[in-house]
Every structure is written in C-alpha cells, then in structure tokens.
Amino acid sequence: MRAKSGARTFIENARRAQILDCAIETIAELGYARASFAQIAKRAGLSSTGLISYHFAGKDELIRQIVIEIHQTMGDFMHRRVSAEQSAAGMLRAYLAGSVEFIGAHRSRMKALLEIFLNFRPETGGGSYDGNTERNVLSSLEQILHAGQQSAEFREFDLRVMATTIQRSIDGLPFALDADPDLDLKRYADELVTIFDLATRRSP
C-alpha cells in the first residue's frame, strides 16, 4: 500500500513523526541492514508493518524522510546559532561549537544518519550522499569563510579546501562518540575552535 496523498490529519502527522523517530532509533541501535519494517513496527508498538506502508511508500521514502528531517532539524538549530553572530570569525566559532553541541545532544539521529550515508542504496541508484549534497553542506561554510576574507578577518586560502577540512573534522565526531561515549564535548569543541581560528587568522 502506498502512502496516502493529499492533506494529512493531525493524527496522521503524529503517526508519521512517531514512525520516523522509531525508525531512527532502530537504525541507530541495530544498524541499517537489520532495521526492517518489522523491527521498526515492533519499536513503534504497531500491530502491522502495513501501518508503516500506509504512511511511507516503501523503505526508500522512509529513509529519505529521515534524512530530510534530521537535516532540517540541524539546519534550523545551526541557523539560530550562526545568525546570532555579527563577525565572520564569530560565525565560524558558532558553526563549530554548534555542530558539536547538536551532535552530542542528538546522538541517535547522527548515528542513524551515518548508517544511512554508509549503507543506503535506493532502488533508483546512487546513494543518500552525493556531489550535490556535499556542495550544499559546504556552501554555508564557504559563505562564512568568504565573508571573513572580504572583511580581512581571515587570511587568503582556498575556500573549498578549508571548508572541506572543517566539515570533515565535524563529521568525524559521531565516530569518536561511538568509540568513547564519555568524550568531553566542550573540550572537543574548544579544540576545533582553536585549530580553525589559527588556520584562518590573518597574520598581523
């Protein structure tokens, strides 16, 4: 059965949100390969996997909606943190510290997202993380870095190389937390801020 089209009721939206949350927790706990509709339905307390199929037209749609939901949640959080700053240096610090804070507070979501990026192969081909996704992820960072160069806060450097290096340092945090759940996140964030403050700073 395909997901119902048209406007959804409050109850339908609530059920979709519940299924998404349970799917995220299931993927984070069991891994992508073992996160079947049966496991998700069990966690959600659903009597049948058909109730998942009613809301989502197959696993591909469910996984895509998980990715969209996590990206939107993180994007809204980061926008509030970064937009509160006036300088490019302040925005970069907020981006780094905010990313660490979000990942630390949403460990299941980030672990599930990592599982999806590594393992999801939709029926239409490709993956959940491609060149367009990478460019979108890096674009906001490149804008901050470019603004810092324009205002003479930052030295001259290759925007793509610097943005990629910064983003990969953040992307590695879920792996670090998986290996060490008690990792000191404040210290981690402080070190990232110091590293990239030194890397971008214009010499006197």
Protein backbone atom coordinates (compact mmCIF):
# COMPACT_ATOMS: atom_id res chain seq x y z
CA MET A 1 0.00 0.00 0.00
CA ARG A 2 1.33 3.42 -0.90
CA ALA A 3 1.38 6.39 1.42
CA LYS A 4 -1.83 8.39 1.44
CA SER A 5 -1.80 11.51 -0.74
CA GLY A 6 -3.33 14.91 -0.07
CA ALA A 7 -3.63 16.81 3.19
CA ARG A 8 -2.86 14.79 6.30
CA THR A 9 -4.77 14.96 9.56
CA PHE A 10 -3.14 15.83 12.87
CA ILE A 11 -3.27 12.16 13.86
CA GLU A 12 -1.64 11.08 10.60
CA ASN A 13 1.16 13.62 11.04
CA ALA A 14 1.69 12.45 14.62
CA ARG A 15 1.85 8.82 13.48
CA ARG A 16 4.34 9.67 10.72
CA ALA A 17 6.52 11.50 13.24
CA GLN A 18 6.36 8.53 15.61
CA ILE A 19 7.37 6.12 12.85
CA LEU A 20 10.26 8.37 11.82
CA ASP A 21 11.50 8.59 15.42
CA CYS A 22 11.25 4.82 15.88
CA ALA A 23 12.98 4.18 12.56
CA ILE A 24 15.83 6.47 13.60
CA GLU A 25 16.22 4.70 16.96
CA THR A 26 16.06 1.28 15.29
CA ILE A 27 18.73 2.15 12.71
CA ALA A 28 20.95 3.68 15.40
CA GLU A 29 20.63 0.61 17.63
CA LEU A 30 20.60 -2.26 15.13
CA GLY A 31 22.32 -0.77 12.09
CA TYR A 32 20.82 -0.03 8.70
CA ALA A 33 20.86 -3.62 7.41
CA ARG A 34 18.88 -5.01 10.35
CA ALA A 35 16.38 -2.12 10.60
CA SER A 36 13.48 -3.89 8.90
CA PHE A 37 9.88 -2.67 8.86
CA ALA A 38 9.14 -5.48 11.33
CA GLN A 39 11.74 -4.12 13.80
CA ILE A 40 10.51 -0.56 13.34
CA ALA A 41 6.86 -1.60 13.83
CA LYS A 42 7.81 -3.50 16.98
CA ARG A 43 9.55 -0.47 18.47
CA ALA A 44 6.62 1.79 17.50
CA GLY A 45 4.08 -0.59 19.01
CA LEU A 46 2.31 -1.06 15.68
CA SER A 47 0.20 -4.14 15.06
CA SER A 48 1.35 -4.46 11.45
CA THR A 49 4.08 -3.26 9.10
CA GLY A 50 1.21 -2.22 6.84
CA LEU A 51 0.74 0.81 9.05
CA ILE A 52 4.23 1.94 8.03
CA SER A 53 3.44 1.32 4.36
CA TYR A 54 0.28 3.41 4.75
CA HIS A 55 2.39 6.46 5.61
CA PHE A 56 5.52 5.77 3.53
CA ALA A 57 5.66 4.34 0.02
CA GLY A 58 8.39 1.84 0.79
CA LYS A 59 11.69 1.89 2.68
CA ASP A 60 13.34 4.29 0.22
CA GLU A 61 10.80 7.01 1.04
CA LEU A 62 11.08 6.36 4.76
CA ILE A 63 14.87 6.69 4.63
CA ARG A 64 14.70 9.86 2.54
CA GLN A 65 12.28 11.41 5.01
CA ILE A 66 14.62 10.54 7.89
CA VAL A 67 17.48 12.32 6.13
CA ILE A 68 15.28 15.35 5.40
CA GLU A 69 14.01 15.52 8.99
CA ILE A 70 17.49 15.35 10.51
CA HIS A 71 18.91 17.90 8.09
CA GLN A 72 16.04 20.31 8.72
CA THR A 73 16.35 19.99 12.49
CA MET A 74 20.10 20.52 12.40
CA GLY A 75 19.79 23.32 9.84
CA ASP A 76 17.29 25.24 11.99
CA PHE A 77 19.49 24.82 15.06
CA MET A 78 22.64 25.95 13.25
CA HIS A 79 20.91 28.92 11.61
CA ARG A 80 19.89 30.26 15.02
CA ARG A 81 23.42 29.85 16.38
CA VAL A 82 25.28 31.30 13.40
CA SER A 83 22.89 34.17 12.60
CA ALA A 84 23.23 35.49 16.16
CA GLU A 85 26.87 36.43 15.40
CA GLN A 86 27.98 39.63 13.72
CA SER A 87 31.51 38.79 12.56
CA ALA A 88 32.71 36.02 10.25
CA ALA A 89 35.05 34.78 12.98
CA GLY A 90 32.12 34.63 15.39
CA MET A 91 30.02 32.77 12.83
CA LEU A 92 32.78 30.21 12.30
CA ARG A 93 33.12 29.67 16.05
CA ALA A 94 29.34 29.29 16.32
CA TYR A 95 29.31 26.83 13.43
CA LEU A 96 31.97 24.66 15.05
CA ALA A 97 30.64 24.79 18.61
CA GLY A 98 27.03 24.50 17.47
CA SER A 99 27.77 21.44 15.35
CA VAL A 100 29.44 19.69 18.28
CA GLU A 101 26.58 20.64 20.59
CA PHE A 102 23.93 19.34 18.18
CA ILE A 103 25.73 16.06 17.51
CA GLY A 104 26.24 15.50 21.23
CA ALA A 105 22.57 16.18 22.00
CA HIS A 106 21.21 14.05 19.11
CA ARG A 107 23.45 11.01 19.14
CA SER A 108 20.87 8.51 17.89
CA ARG A 109 19.92 10.76 15.00
CA MET A 110 23.51 11.32 13.96
CA LYS A 111 24.38 7.64 14.30
CA ALA A 112 21.36 6.72 12.16
CA LEU A 113 22.32 9.35 9.58
CA LEU A 114 25.83 7.93 9.43
CA GLU A 115 24.44 4.40 8.96
CA ILE A 116 22.25 5.67 6.12
CA PHE A 117 25.08 7.53 4.39
CA LEU A 118 27.30 4.44 4.55
CA ASN A 119 24.75 1.80 3.60
CA PHE A 120 21.62 3.18 1.91
CA ARG A 121 21.37 2.39 -1.79
CA PRO A 122 17.98 3.43 -3.20
CA GLU A 123 16.28 1.35 -5.87
CA THR A 124 16.72 4.21 -8.34
CA GLY A 125 20.51 4.01 -7.89
CA GLY A 126 23.07 6.29 -6.29
CA GLY A 127 23.19 6.95 -2.59
CA SER A 128 21.89 9.33 0.04
CA TYR A 129 25.06 11.46 -0.07
CA ASP A 130 26.26 12.63 -3.47
CA GLY A 131 28.06 15.55 -5.06
CA ASN A 132 25.05 17.84 -4.78
CA THR A 133 24.65 17.03 -1.09
CA GLU A 134 28.33 17.74 -0.48
CA ARG A 135 28.11 21.10 -2.25
CA ASN A 136 25.03 22.05 -0.24
CA VAL A 137 26.71 21.07 3.03
CA LEU A 138 29.82 23.09 2.24
CA SER A 139 28.07 26.15 0.80
CA SER A 140 27.18 27.77 4.13
CA LEU A 141 30.72 27.26 5.40
CA GLU A 142 32.19 28.70 2.23
CA GLN A 143 29.97 31.77 2.60
CA ILE A 144 31.25 32.35 6.15
CA LEU A 145 34.86 31.89 5.04
CA HIS A 146 34.43 34.15 2.01
CA ALA A 147 32.86 36.85 4.17
CA GLY A 148 35.83 36.62 6.53
CA GLN A 149 38.26 37.09 3.66
CA GLN A 150 36.26 40.02 2.32
CA SER A 151 36.28 41.72 5.71
CA ALA A 152 40.01 40.96 6.17
CA GLU A 153 39.29 38.87 9.27
CA PHE A 154 40.65 35.76 7.53
CA ARG A 155 43.80 35.21 5.50
CA GLU A 156 43.70 34.14 1.88
CA PHE A 157 43.17 30.41 1.41
CA ASP A 158 41.28 28.05 -0.87
CA LEU A 159 37.66 28.17 0.25
CA ARG A 160 36.77 24.64 -0.83
CA VAL A 161 39.82 23.08 0.81
CA MET A 162 39.25 24.92 4.09
CA ALA A 163 35.50 24.26 4.14
CA THR A 164 36.03 20.56 3.40
CA THR A 165 38.66 20.26 6.14
CA ILE A 166 36.39 21.96 8.68
CA GLN A 167 33.38 19.83 7.76
CA ARG A 168 35.32 16.56 7.89
CA SER A 169 36.54 17.42 11.40
CA ILE A 170 32.87 17.72 12.43
CA ASP A 171 31.76 14.62 10.52
CA GLY A 172 34.27 12.55 12.47
CA LEU A 173 32.63 13.32 15.82
CA PRO A 174 29.93 10.59 15.63
CA PHE A 175 32.71 8.03 15.12
CA ALA A 176 34.58 9.44 18.11
CA LEU A 177 31.45 9.31 20.27
CA ASP A 178 30.77 5.74 19.22
CA ALA A 179 34.26 4.78 20.38
CA ASP A 180 34.15 6.96 23.51
CA PRO A 181 30.60 7.90 24.66
CA ASP A 182 32.07 9.90 27.56
CA LEU A 183 34.11 12.14 25.28
CA ASP A 184 34.43 15.67 26.68
CA LEU A 185 32.41 17.58 24.09
CA LYS A 186 33.24 21.03 25.42
CA ARG A 187 36.94 20.29 25.13
CA TYR A 188 36.38 18.86 21.66
CA ALA A 189 34.56 22.00 20.56
CA ASP A 190 37.15 24.29 22.15
CA GLU A 191 39.96 22.47 20.33
CA LEU A 192 38.18 22.76 16.99
CA VAL A 193 37.58 26.46 17.53
CA THR A 194 41.26 26.99 18.39
CA ILE A 195 42.53 24.91 15.47
CA PHE A 196 40.47 26.74 12.86
CA ASP A 197 40.92 30.14 14.45
CA LEU A 198 44.66 29.65 13.97
CA ALA A 199 44.18 28.18 10.49
CA THR A 200 42.07 31.06 9.20
CA ARG A 201 43.51 34.01 11.12
CA ARG A 202 45.19 36.78 9.16
CA SER A 203 48.77 37.40 10.28
CA PRO A 204 49.39 40.75 11.98
